[in-house]
Amino acid sequence: MTTFVKASHILVKTEEEAKKLKDEIASGKDFADIAKQVSLCPSGRNGGDLGYFTKGQMVKEFEDACFSMKVGDVSNPIKTQFGYHLIYLTDKKD
């Protein structure tokens, strides 16, 4: 059976910026609002929402993080060739 995850993310250039944003989210700031303001990815316009996807659709580091997270979690900064991501896992289904 195929597992689908639904995630949102914020893409920034530096690990330091990603850590700062994670602290802001932990302090109660809204993930989607931050994504709209600062994410370098076009998905930022939609609050970082990437919709549902399965294994093999995203770069490995990003995918590995998504599939190891619990729904509602916000990741630590994840480095890919695009920069540093904060990932918010919003759903997981088989």
N, C-alpha and C. Protein backbone atom coordinates (compact mmCIF):
# COMPACT_ATOMS: atom_id res chain seq x y z
N MET A 1 0.83 -1.18 0.00
CA MET A 1 0.00 0.00 0.00
C MET A 1 0.88 1.26 0.00
N THR A 2 0.46 2.24 -0.75
CA THR A 2 1.21 3.48 -0.86
C THR A 2 0.82 4.44 0.26
N THR A 3 1.83 4.99 0.90
CA THR A 3 1.59 6.01 1.92
C THR A 3 1.72 7.39 1.29
N PHE A 4 0.76 8.25 1.60
CA PHE A 4 0.77 9.63 1.16
C PHE A 4 1.01 10.53 2.37
N VAL A 5 1.79 11.56 2.19
CA VAL A 5 1.93 12.58 3.23
C VAL A 5 1.52 13.92 2.63
N LYS A 6 1.06 14.80 3.50
CA LYS A 6 0.74 16.17 3.10
C LYS A 6 1.59 17.08 3.97
N ALA A 7 2.33 17.95 3.33
CA ALA A 7 3.25 18.80 4.08
C ALA A 7 3.24 20.22 3.53
N SER A 8 3.62 21.12 4.40
CA SER A 8 3.91 22.50 4.03
C SER A 8 5.37 22.75 4.37
N HIS A 9 5.98 23.71 3.71
CA HIS A 9 7.38 24.01 4.04
C HIS A 9 7.69 25.47 3.84
N ILE A 10 8.78 25.85 4.48
CA ILE A 10 9.35 27.18 4.32
C ILE A 10 10.77 26.97 3.83
N LEU A 11 11.13 27.61 2.75
CA LEU A 11 12.47 27.49 2.18
C LEU A 11 13.22 28.80 2.35
N VAL A 12 14.41 28.71 2.98
CA VAL A 12 15.27 29.89 3.17
C VAL A 12 16.70 29.54 2.78
N LYS A 13 17.56 30.54 2.73
CA LYS A 13 18.93 30.33 2.26
C LYS A 13 19.86 29.75 3.32
N THR A 14 19.65 30.11 4.60
CA THR A 14 20.64 29.71 5.62
C THR A 14 20.01 28.90 6.74
N GLU A 15 20.84 28.07 7.36
CA GLU A 15 20.40 27.29 8.50
C GLU A 15 20.03 28.20 9.67
N GLU A 16 20.78 29.29 9.83
CA GLU A 16 20.52 30.22 10.93
C GLU A 16 19.12 30.83 10.78
N GLU A 17 18.76 31.21 9.57
CA GLU A 17 17.43 31.78 9.34
C GLU A 17 16.34 30.74 9.63
N ALA A 18 16.57 29.51 9.19
CA ALA A 18 15.59 28.44 9.44
C ALA A 18 15.42 28.19 10.93
N LYS A 19 16.52 28.20 11.68
CA LYS A 19 16.43 27.99 13.14
C LYS A 19 15.66 29.13 13.80
N LYS A 20 15.91 30.34 13.37
CA LYS A 20 15.20 31.51 13.92
C LYS A 20 13.70 31.39 13.66
N LEU A 21 13.34 30.99 12.45
CA LEU A 21 11.92 30.85 12.12
C LEU A 21 11.27 29.71 12.90
N LYS A 22 12.02 28.63 13.12
CA LYS A 22 11.47 27.53 13.92
C LYS A 22 11.17 28.01 15.34
N ASP A 23 12.05 28.83 15.89
CA ASP A 23 11.82 29.40 17.23
C ASP A 23 10.56 30.27 17.24
N GLU A 24 10.37 31.04 16.18
CA GLU A 24 9.17 31.90 16.09
C GLU A 24 7.90 31.04 16.05
N ILE A 25 7.95 29.94 15.29
CA ILE A 25 6.79 29.03 15.20
C ILE A 25 6.54 28.38 16.56
N ALA A 26 7.61 27.96 17.23
CA ALA A 26 7.48 27.35 18.56
C ALA A 26 6.88 28.35 19.57
N SER A 27 7.10 29.64 19.32
CA SER A 27 6.58 30.68 20.20
C SER A 27 5.14 31.07 19.86
N GLY A 28 4.57 30.43 18.84
CA GLY A 28 3.17 30.67 18.54
C GLY A 28 2.86 31.35 17.23
N LYS A 29 3.90 31.76 16.48
CA LYS A 29 3.63 32.39 15.18
C LYS A 29 3.10 31.33 14.20
N ASP A 30 2.26 31.77 13.28
CA ASP A 30 1.62 30.86 12.34
C ASP A 30 2.56 30.45 11.21
N PHE A 31 2.69 29.13 11.01
CA PHE A 31 3.58 28.58 9.98
C PHE A 31 3.24 29.15 8.61
N ALA A 32 1.95 29.12 8.25
CA ALA A 32 1.53 29.58 6.92
C ALA A 32 1.81 31.06 6.71
N ASP A 33 1.60 31.86 7.75
CA ASP A 33 1.89 33.29 7.63
C ASP A 33 3.37 33.54 7.38
N ILE A 34 4.22 32.82 8.10
CA ILE A 34 5.67 32.97 7.90
C ILE A 34 6.05 32.52 6.50
N ALA A 35 5.48 31.40 6.05
CA ALA A 35 5.78 30.91 4.69
C ALA A 35 5.42 31.96 3.65
N LYS A 36 4.26 32.59 3.80
CA LYS A 36 3.83 33.62 2.85
C LYS A 36 4.80 34.80 2.83
N GLN A 37 5.37 35.13 3.98
CA GLN A 37 6.25 36.30 4.09
C GLN A 37 7.67 36.03 3.61
N VAL A 38 8.23 34.83 3.91
CA VAL A 38 9.66 34.67 3.70
C VAL A 38 10.09 33.50 2.82
N SER A 39 9.21 32.54 2.54
CA SER A 39 9.65 31.36 1.80
C SER A 39 10.11 31.72 0.39
N LEU A 40 11.21 31.12 -0.03
CA LEU A 40 11.76 31.34 -1.37
C LEU A 40 11.10 30.45 -2.41
N CYS A 41 10.28 29.50 -1.97
CA CYS A 41 9.59 28.58 -2.87
C CYS A 41 8.26 29.19 -3.32
N PRO A 42 7.87 28.98 -4.58
CA PRO A 42 6.57 29.50 -5.03
C PRO A 42 5.40 29.02 -4.16
N SER A 43 5.54 27.87 -3.50
CA SER A 43 4.47 27.37 -2.62
C SER A 43 4.23 28.31 -1.44
N GLY A 44 5.15 29.19 -1.17
CA GLY A 44 5.00 30.15 -0.08
C GLY A 44 3.72 30.98 -0.20
N ARG A 45 3.33 31.27 -1.44
CA ARG A 45 2.09 32.03 -1.67
C ARG A 45 0.87 31.32 -1.08
N ASN A 46 0.96 29.98 -1.01
CA ASN A 46 -0.14 29.17 -0.45
C ASN A 46 0.16 28.74 0.98
N GLY A 47 0.96 29.51 1.68
CA GLY A 47 1.32 29.15 3.05
C GLY A 47 2.28 27.98 3.12
N GLY A 48 2.95 27.70 2.01
CA GLY A 48 3.93 26.62 1.96
C GLY A 48 3.34 25.26 1.63
N ASP A 49 2.02 25.18 1.40
CA ASP A 49 1.34 23.91 1.17
C ASP A 49 1.82 23.23 -0.11
N LEU A 50 2.29 21.99 0.03
CA LEU A 50 2.74 21.20 -1.11
C LEU A 50 1.73 20.15 -1.52
N GLY A 51 0.65 20.02 -0.77
CA GLY A 51 -0.35 18.99 -1.07
C GLY A 51 0.16 17.61 -0.68
N TYR A 52 -0.53 16.59 -1.20
CA TYR A 52 -0.15 15.20 -0.92
C TYR A 52 0.89 14.72 -1.91
N PHE A 53 1.81 13.89 -1.43
CA PHE A 53 2.78 13.26 -2.31
C PHE A 53 3.22 11.93 -1.72
N THR A 54 3.84 11.11 -2.56
CA THR A 54 4.33 9.79 -2.15
C THR A 54 5.84 9.77 -2.27
N LYS A 55 6.44 8.67 -1.84
CA LYS A 55 7.89 8.54 -1.97
C LYS A 55 8.27 8.58 -3.45
N GLY A 56 9.39 9.24 -3.72
CA GLY A 56 9.88 9.34 -5.08
C GLY A 56 9.51 10.64 -5.78
N GLN A 57 8.75 11.50 -5.11
CA GLN A 57 8.33 12.75 -5.76
C GLN A 57 9.12 13.97 -5.31
N MET A 58 9.81 13.86 -4.19
CA MET A 58 10.58 14.99 -3.66
C MET A 58 12.05 14.59 -3.55
N VAL A 59 12.93 15.57 -3.36
CA VAL A 59 14.35 15.24 -3.18
C VAL A 59 14.50 14.40 -1.91
N LYS A 60 15.50 13.53 -1.91
CA LYS A 60 15.64 12.51 -0.86
C LYS A 60 15.64 13.07 0.55
N GLU A 61 16.43 14.09 0.82
CA GLU A 61 16.53 14.62 2.18
C GLU A 61 15.16 15.12 2.68
N PHE A 62 14.45 15.78 1.80
CA PHE A 62 13.13 16.33 2.14
C PHE A 62 12.14 15.19 2.37
N GLU A 63 12.14 14.25 1.45
CA GLU A 63 11.24 13.10 1.55
C GLU A 63 11.51 12.27 2.80
N ASP A 64 12.77 11.99 3.08
CA ASP A 64 13.13 11.20 4.27
C ASP A 64 12.58 11.86 5.54
N ALA A 65 12.71 13.18 5.60
CA ALA A 65 12.21 13.90 6.77
C ALA A 65 10.69 13.78 6.87
N CYS A 66 10.00 14.01 5.76
CA CYS A 66 8.53 13.98 5.77
C CYS A 66 8.00 12.63 6.22
N PHE A 67 8.56 11.56 5.70
CA PHE A 67 8.03 10.23 5.99
C PHE A 67 8.44 9.72 7.37
N SER A 68 9.35 10.42 8.05
CA SER A 68 9.73 10.00 9.40
C SER A 68 9.05 10.86 10.47
N MET A 69 8.30 11.87 10.05
CA MET A 69 7.66 12.79 10.99
C MET A 69 6.28 12.30 11.40
N LYS A 70 5.80 12.86 12.52
CA LYS A 70 4.43 12.64 12.96
C LYS A 70 3.60 13.85 12.52
N VAL A 71 2.32 13.62 12.24
CA VAL A 71 1.42 14.70 11.86
C VAL A 71 1.42 15.76 12.97
N GLY A 72 1.57 17.02 12.56
CA GLY A 72 1.61 18.13 13.50
C GLY A 72 3.02 18.58 13.86
N ASP A 73 4.02 17.76 13.50
CA ASP A 73 5.42 18.11 13.79
C ASP A 73 5.94 19.18 12.84
N VAL A 74 6.86 20.00 13.35
CA VAL A 74 7.65 20.91 12.52
C VAL A 74 9.09 20.43 12.63
N SER A 75 9.73 20.21 11.49
CA SER A 75 11.09 19.66 11.47
C SER A 75 12.12 20.68 11.92
N ASN A 76 13.29 20.17 12.26
CA ASN A 76 14.48 21.01 12.35
C ASN A 76 14.86 21.36 10.91
N PRO A 77 15.77 22.31 10.70
CA PRO A 77 16.16 22.65 9.33
C PRO A 77 16.68 21.43 8.57
N ILE A 78 16.18 21.27 7.35
CA ILE A 78 16.59 20.17 6.46
C ILE A 78 17.29 20.80 5.27
N LYS A 79 18.56 20.39 5.05
CA LYS A 79 19.34 20.96 3.94
C LYS A 79 19.13 20.13 2.68
N THR A 80 18.80 20.82 1.57
CA THR A 80 18.75 20.20 0.25
C THR A 80 19.53 21.10 -0.70
N GLN A 81 19.56 20.72 -1.97
CA GLN A 81 20.26 21.57 -2.95
C GLN A 81 19.57 22.91 -3.14
N PHE A 82 18.34 23.05 -2.65
CA PHE A 82 17.59 24.29 -2.82
C PHE A 82 17.82 25.29 -1.68
N GLY A 83 18.29 24.78 -0.54
CA GLY A 83 18.48 25.62 0.64
C GLY A 83 18.07 24.86 1.88
N TYR A 84 17.52 25.58 2.86
CA TYR A 84 17.11 24.97 4.13
C TYR A 84 15.60 25.05 4.26
N HIS A 85 15.01 23.92 4.61
CA HIS A 85 13.56 23.81 4.72
C HIS A 85 13.15 23.60 6.17
N LEU A 86 12.03 24.19 6.55
CA LEU A 86 11.28 23.78 7.74
C LEU A 86 10.05 23.11 7.18
N ILE A 87 9.77 21.93 7.66
CA ILE A 87 8.64 21.15 7.14
C ILE A 87 7.60 21.00 8.25
N TYR A 88 6.36 21.23 7.89
CA TYR A 88 5.23 21.03 8.79
C TYR A 88 4.38 19.93 8.19
N LEU A 89 4.35 18.77 8.86
CA LEU A 89 3.58 17.63 8.35
C LEU A 89 2.13 17.79 8.77
N THR A 90 1.22 17.90 7.80
CA THR A 90 -0.17 18.17 8.11
C THR A 90 -1.08 16.95 8.00
N ASP A 91 -0.65 15.90 7.29
CA ASP A 91 -1.46 14.68 7.20
C ASP A 91 -0.61 13.53 6.68
N LYS A 92 -1.04 12.31 7.01
CA LYS A 92 -0.39 11.10 6.53
C LYS A 92 -1.48 10.06 6.38
N LYS A 93 -1.53 9.39 5.22
CA LYS A 93 -2.54 8.35 5.04
C LYS A 93 -2.04 7.25 4.14
N ASP A 94 -2.57 6.05 4.36
CA ASP A 94 -2.22 4.88 3.54
C ASP A 94 -3.28 4.65 2.48
